[in-house]
Amino acid sequence: MVREGEPLAVGLARVGALVRRAPVTCSPDATVREAAGLMTEERVSAPLVPTAQGVGILTDRDFRSRVLAAGAAAEALAGRS
């Protein structure tokens, strides 16, 4: 058990002890613009994206490589970019 204010040995901590809030999720039907707005508003760099195949993660790197560098439109679907 990790108590607030105590040093944290990350390698030995349970994930629940490290998480400070509920995960941020983004709909797979959200546009790239909507996903980027959510990430900015919630101050996260990788929201979870629930899909029929499981849960994905949309990262800042995805935006750079799959959206910006690829020239995708801001209205493209984030869960499919």
C-alpha atoms as a PDB file:
ATOM      1  CA  MET A   1       0.000   0.000   0.000  1.00  0.00           C
ATOM      2  CA  VAL A   2       1.369   3.418  -0.949  1.00  0.00           C
ATOM      3  CA  ARG A   3       0.437   6.290   1.312  1.00  0.00           C
ATOM      4  CA  GLU A   4       0.166   9.846   0.074  1.00  0.00           C
ATOM      5  CA  GLY A   5       3.357  11.785   0.644  1.00  0.00           C
ATOM      6  CA  GLU A   6       5.548   8.667   0.816  1.00  0.00           C
ATOM      7  CA  PRO A   7       8.223   8.032  -1.819  1.00  0.00           C
ATOM      8  CA  LEU A   8       7.009   5.682  -4.526  1.00  0.00           C
ATOM      9  CA  ALA A   9       8.985   2.668  -5.757  1.00  0.00           C
ATOM     10  CA  VAL A  10       7.363   2.541  -9.198  1.00  0.00           C
ATOM     11  CA  GLY A  11       8.742  -0.873 -10.093  1.00  0.00           C
ATOM     12  CA  LEU A  12       7.016  -2.368  -7.057  1.00  0.00           C
ATOM     13  CA  ALA A  13       3.777  -0.349  -7.061  1.00  0.00           C
ATOM     14  CA  ARG A  14       0.426  -1.646  -8.211  1.00  0.00           C
ATOM     15  CA  VAL A  15      -1.032   0.268 -11.162  1.00  0.00           C
ATOM     16  CA  GLY A  16      -3.964   1.428  -9.046  1.00  0.00           C
ATOM     17  CA  ALA A  17      -1.557   3.179  -6.702  1.00  0.00           C
ATOM     18  CA  LEU A  18      -0.137   5.212  -9.596  1.00  0.00           C
ATOM     19  CA  VAL A  19      -3.423   6.261 -11.179  1.00  0.00           C
ATOM     20  CA  ARG A  20      -4.785   9.543  -9.895  1.00  0.00           C
ATOM     21  CA  ARG A  21      -7.999   9.765 -11.948  1.00  0.00           C
ATOM     22  CA  ALA A  22     -10.285   7.838 -14.246  1.00  0.00           C
ATOM     23  CA  PRO A  23      -8.883   7.119 -17.716  1.00  0.00           C
ATOM     24  CA  VAL A  24      -9.802   9.497 -20.524  1.00  0.00           C
ATOM     25  CA  THR A  25     -11.551   7.810 -23.441  1.00  0.00           C
ATOM     26  CA  CYS A  26     -12.222   8.969 -26.973  1.00  0.00           C
ATOM     27  CA  SER A  27     -14.928   7.551 -29.221  1.00  0.00           C
ATOM     28  CA  PRO A  28     -13.593   5.775 -32.337  1.00  0.00           C
ATOM     29  CA  ASP A  29     -16.159   7.847 -34.233  1.00  0.00           C
ATOM     30  CA  ALA A  30     -14.631  11.154 -33.043  1.00  0.00           C
ATOM     31  CA  THR A  31     -12.899  13.234 -35.677  1.00  0.00           C
ATOM     32  CA  VAL A  32      -9.196  13.980 -35.455  1.00  0.00           C
ATOM     33  CA  ARG A  33     -10.098  17.559 -34.511  1.00  0.00           C
ATOM     34  CA  GLU A  34     -12.432  16.366 -31.720  1.00  0.00           C
ATOM     35  CA  ALA A  35      -9.825  13.917 -30.391  1.00  0.00           C
ATOM     36  CA  ALA A  36      -7.135  16.617 -30.360  1.00  0.00           C
ATOM     37  CA  GLY A  37      -9.527  18.970 -28.546  1.00  0.00           C
ATOM     38  CA  LEU A  38     -10.292  16.297 -25.949  1.00  0.00           C
ATOM     39  CA  MET A  39      -6.588  15.626 -25.410  1.00  0.00           C
ATOM     40  CA  THR A  40      -5.936  19.330 -24.919  1.00  0.00           C
ATOM     41  CA  GLU A  41      -8.935  19.867 -22.643  1.00  0.00           C
ATOM     42  CA  GLU A  42      -8.157  16.837 -20.470  1.00  0.00           C
ATOM     43  CA  ARG A  43      -4.384  17.461 -20.578  1.00  0.00           C
ATOM     44  CA  VAL A  44      -3.547  13.916 -21.703  1.00  0.00           C
ATOM     45  CA  SER A  45      -1.245  12.683 -24.441  1.00  0.00           C
ATOM     46  CA  ALA A  46      -2.849   9.295 -25.027  1.00  0.00           C
ATOM     47  CA  PRO A  47      -6.589   8.717 -24.507  1.00  0.00           C
ATOM     48  CA  LEU A  48      -8.002   5.200 -24.674  1.00  0.00           C
ATOM     49  CA  VAL A  49     -10.177   4.340 -27.688  1.00  0.00           C
ATOM     50  CA  PRO A  50     -12.641   1.485 -27.064  1.00  0.00           C
ATOM     51  CA  THR A  51     -13.395  -0.510 -30.236  1.00  0.00           C
ATOM     52  CA  ALA A  52     -15.089  -3.776 -31.137  1.00  0.00           C
ATOM     53  CA  GLN A  53     -11.629  -5.407 -31.233  1.00  0.00           C
ATOM     54  CA  GLY A  54     -10.585  -4.138 -27.783  1.00  0.00           C
ATOM     55  CA  VAL A  55      -9.115  -0.914 -26.442  1.00  0.00           C
ATOM     56  CA  GLY A  56      -6.638   1.139 -28.440  1.00  0.00           C
ATOM     57  CA  ILE A  57      -4.499   4.107 -27.477  1.00  0.00           C
ATOM     58  CA  LEU A  58      -4.372   7.295 -29.537  1.00  0.00           C
ATOM     59  CA  THR A  59      -1.002   8.945 -28.956  1.00  0.00           C
ATOM     60  CA  ASP A  60       0.668  12.229 -29.825  1.00  0.00           C
ATOM     61  CA  ARG A  61       2.928  10.202 -32.099  1.00  0.00           C
ATOM     62  CA  ASP A  62      -0.138   8.906 -33.964  1.00  0.00           C
ATOM     63  CA  PHE A  63      -1.094  12.507 -34.696  1.00  0.00           C
ATOM     64  CA  ARG A  64       2.369  13.323 -36.024  1.00  0.00           C
ATOM     65  CA  SER A  65       2.856  10.236 -38.166  1.00  0.00           C
ATOM     66  CA  ARG A  66      -0.659   9.184 -39.185  1.00  0.00           C
ATOM     67  CA  VAL A  67      -2.379  12.551 -39.388  1.00  0.00           C
ATOM     68  CA  LEU A  68      -0.039  15.500 -39.911  1.00  0.00           C
ATOM     69  CA  ALA A  69       2.737  13.782 -41.875  1.00  0.00           C
ATOM     70  CA  ALA A  70       0.204  11.786 -43.899  1.00  0.00           C
ATOM     71  CA  GLY A  71      -1.851  14.892 -44.717  1.00  0.00           C
ATOM     72  CA  ALA A  72      -5.076  13.498 -43.235  1.00  0.00           C
ATOM     73  CA  ALA A  73      -8.013  15.878 -42.891  1.00  0.00           C
ATOM     74  CA  ALA A  74      -9.009  17.234 -39.494  1.00  0.00           C
ATOM     75  CA  GLU A  75     -12.431  15.682 -40.062  1.00  0.00           C
ATOM     76  CA  ALA A  76     -11.007  12.163 -40.542  1.00  0.00           C
ATOM     77  CA  LEU A  77     -12.117   9.662 -37.912  1.00  0.00           C
ATOM     78  CA  ALA A  78      -9.554   9.382 -35.108  1.00  0.00           C
ATOM     79  CA  GLY A  79     -10.263   5.703 -34.468  1.00  0.00           C
ATOM     80  CA  ARG A  80      -9.450   4.846 -38.061  1.00  0.00           C
ATOM     81  CA  SER A  81      -6.566   7.195 -38.881  1.00  0.00           C
END
